[in-house]
C-alpha atoms as a PDB file:
ATOM      1  CA  TYR A   1      90.862  89.225  87.293  1.00  0.00           C
ATOM      2  CA  ARG A   2      93.593  87.106  87.907  1.00  0.00           C
ATOM      3  CA  ARG A   3      97.189  88.405  87.859  1.00  0.00           C
ATOM      4  CA  SER A   4     100.449  86.609  87.922  1.00  0.00           C
ATOM      5  CA  ASP A   5     102.847  87.083  90.718  1.00  0.00           C
ATOM      6  CA  GLU A   6     105.122  89.224  88.670  1.00  0.00           C
ATOM      7  CA  SER A   7     102.257  91.288  88.000  1.00  0.00           C
ATOM      8  CA  LYS A   8     101.411  92.211  91.279  1.00  0.00           C
ATOM      9  CA  ALA A   9     104.795  92.581  92.117  1.00  0.00           C
ATOM     10  CA  ILE A  10     105.090  95.298  88.810  1.00  0.00           C
ATOM     11  CA  GLY A  11     101.406  96.932  90.179  1.00  0.00           C
ATOM     12  CA  ASP A  12     102.857  97.141  93.993  1.00  0.00           C
ATOM     13  CA  LEU A  13     105.967  98.910  92.887  1.00  0.00           C
ATOM     14  CA  GLY A  14     103.920 101.185  90.832  1.00  0.00           C
ATOM     15  CA  GLU A  15     101.670 101.877  93.528  1.00  0.00           C
ATOM     16  CA  SER A  16     104.792 102.808  95.862  1.00  0.00           C
ATOM     17  CA  LEU A  17     106.525 104.674  93.350  1.00  0.00           C
ATOM     18  CA  VAL A  18     103.129 107.315  92.850  1.00  0.00           C
ATOM     19  CA  PHE A  19     102.730 107.052  96.549  1.00  0.00           C
ATOM     20  CA  ARG A  20     106.160 108.580  97.287  1.00  0.00           C
ATOM     21  CA  ILE A  21     105.440 111.154  94.360  1.00  0.00           C
ATOM     22  CA  LEU A  22     102.398 112.202  96.163  1.00  0.00           C
ATOM     23  CA  LYS A  23     103.853 112.002  99.788  1.00  0.00           C
ATOM     24  CA  SER A  24     106.418 114.869  98.330  1.00  0.00           C
ATOM     25  CA  LYS A  25     103.501 117.043  97.333  1.00  0.00           C
ATOM     26  CA  GLN A  26     101.749 116.499 100.731  1.00  0.00           C
ATOM     27  CA  ASP A  27     105.325 117.474 102.249  1.00  0.00           C
ATOM     28  CA  ASN A  28     105.379 120.465  99.977  1.00  0.00           C
ATOM     29  CA  GLY A  29     101.921 121.791 101.212  1.00  0.00           C
ATOM     30  CA  GLU A  30     100.158 120.903  97.265  1.00  0.00           C
ATOM     31  CA  ILE A  31      97.659 117.993  98.896  1.00  0.00           C
ATOM     32  CA  LYS A  32      96.573 116.803 102.220  1.00  0.00           C
ATOM     33  CA  ASP A  33      95.188 113.289 103.949  1.00  0.00           C
ATOM     34  CA  LEU A  34      97.133 111.080 101.713  1.00  0.00           C
ATOM     35  CA  LYS A  35      96.224 107.562 101.998  1.00  0.00           C
ATOM     36  CA  ASP A  36      96.327 104.043 100.598  1.00  0.00           C
ATOM     37  CA  VAL A  37      93.227 102.698  99.769  1.00  0.00           C
ATOM     38  CA  SER A  38      94.151  99.751  97.858  1.00  0.00           C
ATOM     39  CA  LYS A  39      92.790  97.017  99.806  1.00  0.00           C
ATOM     40  CA  ASP A  40      89.428  99.129 100.073  1.00  0.00           C
ATOM     41  CA  ASN A  41      87.655  98.336  97.141  1.00  0.00           C
ATOM     42  CA  VAL A  42      87.071 101.666  96.355  1.00  0.00           C
ATOM     43  CA  GLY A  43      88.047 101.536  92.525  1.00  0.00           C
ATOM     44  CA  TYR A  44      91.194 103.335  92.782  1.00  0.00           C
ATOM     45  CA  ASP A  45      94.604 102.934  94.719  1.00  0.00           C
ATOM     46  CA  ILE A  46      95.487 106.035  96.501  1.00  0.00           C
ATOM     47  CA  GLU A  47      93.402 108.628  97.600  1.00  0.00           C
ATOM     48  CA  TYR A  48      94.479 112.388  98.603  1.00  0.00           C
ATOM     49  CA  LYS A  49      92.453 115.775  99.264  1.00  0.00           C
ATOM     50  CA  SER A  50      92.933 118.876  97.140  1.00  0.00           C
ATOM     51  CA  LEU A  51      93.702 121.938  98.960  1.00  0.00           C
ATOM     52  CA  ASN A  52      89.682 122.789  98.856  1.00  0.00           C
ATOM     53  CA  ASP A  53      88.774 119.530  99.883  1.00  0.00           C
ATOM     54  CA  ASP A  54      87.774 117.467  96.467  1.00  0.00           C
ATOM     55  CA  ILE A  55      88.601 114.054  97.298  1.00  0.00           C
ATOM     56  CA  ILE A  56      90.933 112.852  94.593  1.00  0.00           C
ATOM     57  CA  GLY A  57      91.205 109.078  93.613  1.00  0.00           C
ATOM     58  CA  VAL A  58      94.633 107.662  92.004  1.00  0.00           C
ATOM     59  CA  GLU A  59      94.128 104.458  89.838  1.00  0.00           C
ATOM     60  CA  VAL A  60      97.841 103.227  89.082  1.00  0.00           C
ATOM     61  CA  LYS A  61      99.091 100.834  86.254  1.00  0.00           C
ATOM     62  CA  ALA A  62     102.689 100.447  86.117  1.00  0.00           C
ATOM     63  CA  THR A  63     104.766  98.206  83.536  1.00  0.00           C
ATOM     64  CA  LYS A  64     108.578  97.270  83.173  1.00  0.00           C
ATOM     65  CA  MET A  65     107.984  97.855  79.346  1.00  0.00           C
ATOM     66  CA  SER A  66     108.957 101.682  77.927  1.00  0.00           C
ATOM     67  CA  ASN A  67     105.341 102.208  77.016  1.00  0.00           C
ATOM     68  CA  PHE A  68     101.219 100.812  77.295  1.00  0.00           C
ATOM     69  CA  LYS A  69     100.049  99.358  74.624  1.00  0.00           C
ATOM     70  CA  GLN A  70      96.892  98.644  76.485  1.00  0.00           C
ATOM     71  CA  ILE A  71      95.704  98.424  80.286  1.00  0.00           C
ATOM     72  CA  HIS A  72      92.679  96.259  81.964  1.00  0.00           C
ATOM     73  CA  ILE A  73      90.392  98.044  84.585  1.00  0.00           C
ATOM     74  CA  THR A  74      87.957  96.592  86.443  1.00  0.00           C
ATOM     75  CA  ARG A  75      84.349  97.167  86.117  1.00  0.00           C
ATOM     76  CA  ASN A  76      84.454  98.792  89.406  1.00  0.00           C
ATOM     77  CA  GLU A  77      87.418 101.146  88.401  1.00  0.00           C
ATOM     78  CA  TRP A  78      85.477 102.121  85.455  1.00  0.00           C
ATOM     79  CA  ALA A  79      82.299 102.917  87.225  1.00  0.00           C
ATOM     80  CA  VAL A  80      84.417 105.192  89.792  1.00  0.00           C
ATOM     81  CA  ALA A  81      86.182 106.671  86.892  1.00  0.00           C
ATOM     82  CA  LYS A  82      82.925 107.744  85.267  1.00  0.00           C
ATOM     83  CA  GLN A  83      81.503 108.819  88.541  1.00  0.00           C
ATOM     84  CA  MET A  84      84.444 110.590  89.907  1.00  0.00           C
ATOM     85  CA  GLY A  85      85.268 112.358  86.313  1.00  0.00           C
ATOM     86  CA  GLU A  86      87.744 114.808  86.943  1.00  0.00           C
ATOM     87  CA  ARG A  87      88.795 113.869  90.530  1.00  0.00           C
ATOM     88  CA  TYR A  88      90.027 110.172  89.170  1.00  0.00           C
ATOM     89  CA  HIS A  89      93.505 110.239  88.015  1.00  0.00           C
ATOM     90  CA  LEU A  90      95.114 107.390  86.181  1.00  0.00           C
ATOM     91  CA  TYR A  91      98.796 107.308  86.815  1.00  0.00           C
ATOM     92  CA  LEU A  92     100.494 105.128  84.099  1.00  0.00           C
ATOM     93  CA  ILE A  93     104.190 104.227  85.088  1.00  0.00           C
ATOM     94  CA  ALA A  94     106.371 102.765  82.239  1.00  0.00           C
ATOM     95  CA  ASP A  95     109.877 101.503  82.745  1.00  0.00           C
ATOM     96  CA  CYS A  96     109.027 100.987  86.498  1.00  0.00           C
ATOM     97  CA  LYS A  97     111.916  98.888  87.521  1.00  0.00           C
ATOM     98  CA  LYS A  98     114.471 101.025  86.236  1.00  0.00           C
ATOM     99  CA  GLN A  99     116.000 104.217  87.850  1.00  0.00           C
ATOM    100  CA  LYS A 100     114.565 106.645  85.382  1.00  0.00           C
ATOM    101  CA  ASN A 101     110.580 105.386  84.772  1.00  0.00           C
ATOM    102  CA  LYS A 102     108.102 107.382  82.929  1.00  0.00           C
ATOM    103  CA  ASP A 103     105.191 108.443  84.093  1.00  0.00           C
ATOM    104  CA  GLN A 104     101.898 109.753  82.017  1.00  0.00           C
ATOM    105  CA  ILE A 105      98.928 111.132  84.270  1.00  0.00           C
ATOM    106  CA  ILE A 106      95.223 111.328  82.877  1.00  0.00           C
ATOM    107  CA  LYS A 107      93.305 113.356  85.027  1.00  0.00           C
ATOM    108  CA  ASN A 108      89.885 112.376  83.732  1.00  0.00           C
ATOM    109  CA  LEU A 109      89.927 108.824  82.721  1.00  0.00           C
ATOM    110  CA  PHE A 110      86.084 108.988  81.393  1.00  0.00           C
ATOM    111  CA  GLN A 111      86.570 112.187  79.140  1.00  0.00           C
ATOM    112  CA  PHE A 112      89.764 110.984  77.696  1.00  0.00           C
ATOM    113  CA  ILE A 113      87.783 107.951  76.578  1.00  0.00           C
ATOM    114  CA  ASN A 114      84.693 110.013  75.487  1.00  0.00           C
ATOM    115  CA  ASP A 115      86.860 112.219  73.461  1.00  0.00           C
ATOM    116  CA  GLY A 116      88.351 109.486  72.017  1.00  0.00           C
ATOM    117  CA  LYS A 117      91.985 109.518  72.552  1.00  0.00           C
ATOM    118  CA  ALA A 118      91.819 105.545  73.528  1.00  0.00           C
ATOM    119  CA  ASN A 119      89.113 102.950  73.276  1.00  0.00           C
ATOM    120  CA  ILE A 120      87.856 100.865  75.746  1.00  0.00           C
ATOM    121  CA  THR A 121      86.335  97.323  75.126  1.00  0.00           C
ATOM    122  CA  PRO A 122      84.598  95.098  77.563  1.00  0.00           C
ATOM    123  CA  LEU A 123      86.456  91.785  77.666  1.00  0.00           C
ATOM    124  CA  ASP A 124      84.473  89.034  79.568  1.00  0.00           C
ATOM    125  CA  TYR A 125      81.378  88.341  81.612  1.00  0.00           C
ATOM    126  CA  LYS A 126      80.662  86.431  84.865  1.00  0.00           C
ATOM    127  CA  ILE A 127      78.211  84.024  84.852  1.00  0.00           C
ATOM    128  CA  ASP A 128      76.675  83.077  88.342  1.00  0.00           C
ATOM    129  CA  PHE A 129      74.765  79.760  88.772  1.00  0.00           C
END
């Protein structure tokens, strides 16, 4: 889907904030093999390994607003969230342009939605000719 330049800049800022949080966890020995995979089309932005070698995928959504009313995810992000289950972490970063931002982590997006904590609605369809 298409995003405005500002939307992309906010997304990039959110990713860099989360990467820094995870980098400090790696420096403290809590996680390992942290990498930015946002350009690799794997269904999430950041990847790391837990100490027992599980690959964790981190999708980041950011807003300059004080909270989220909704987010948009791609078909690929949703498919990967279903496949990875508890190893797919969604980081929501609100107030991302402020010194003190707010973050929320949903550690299993697929289960979160199945439990009725949020609703998912398909928005559009692609037509190929």
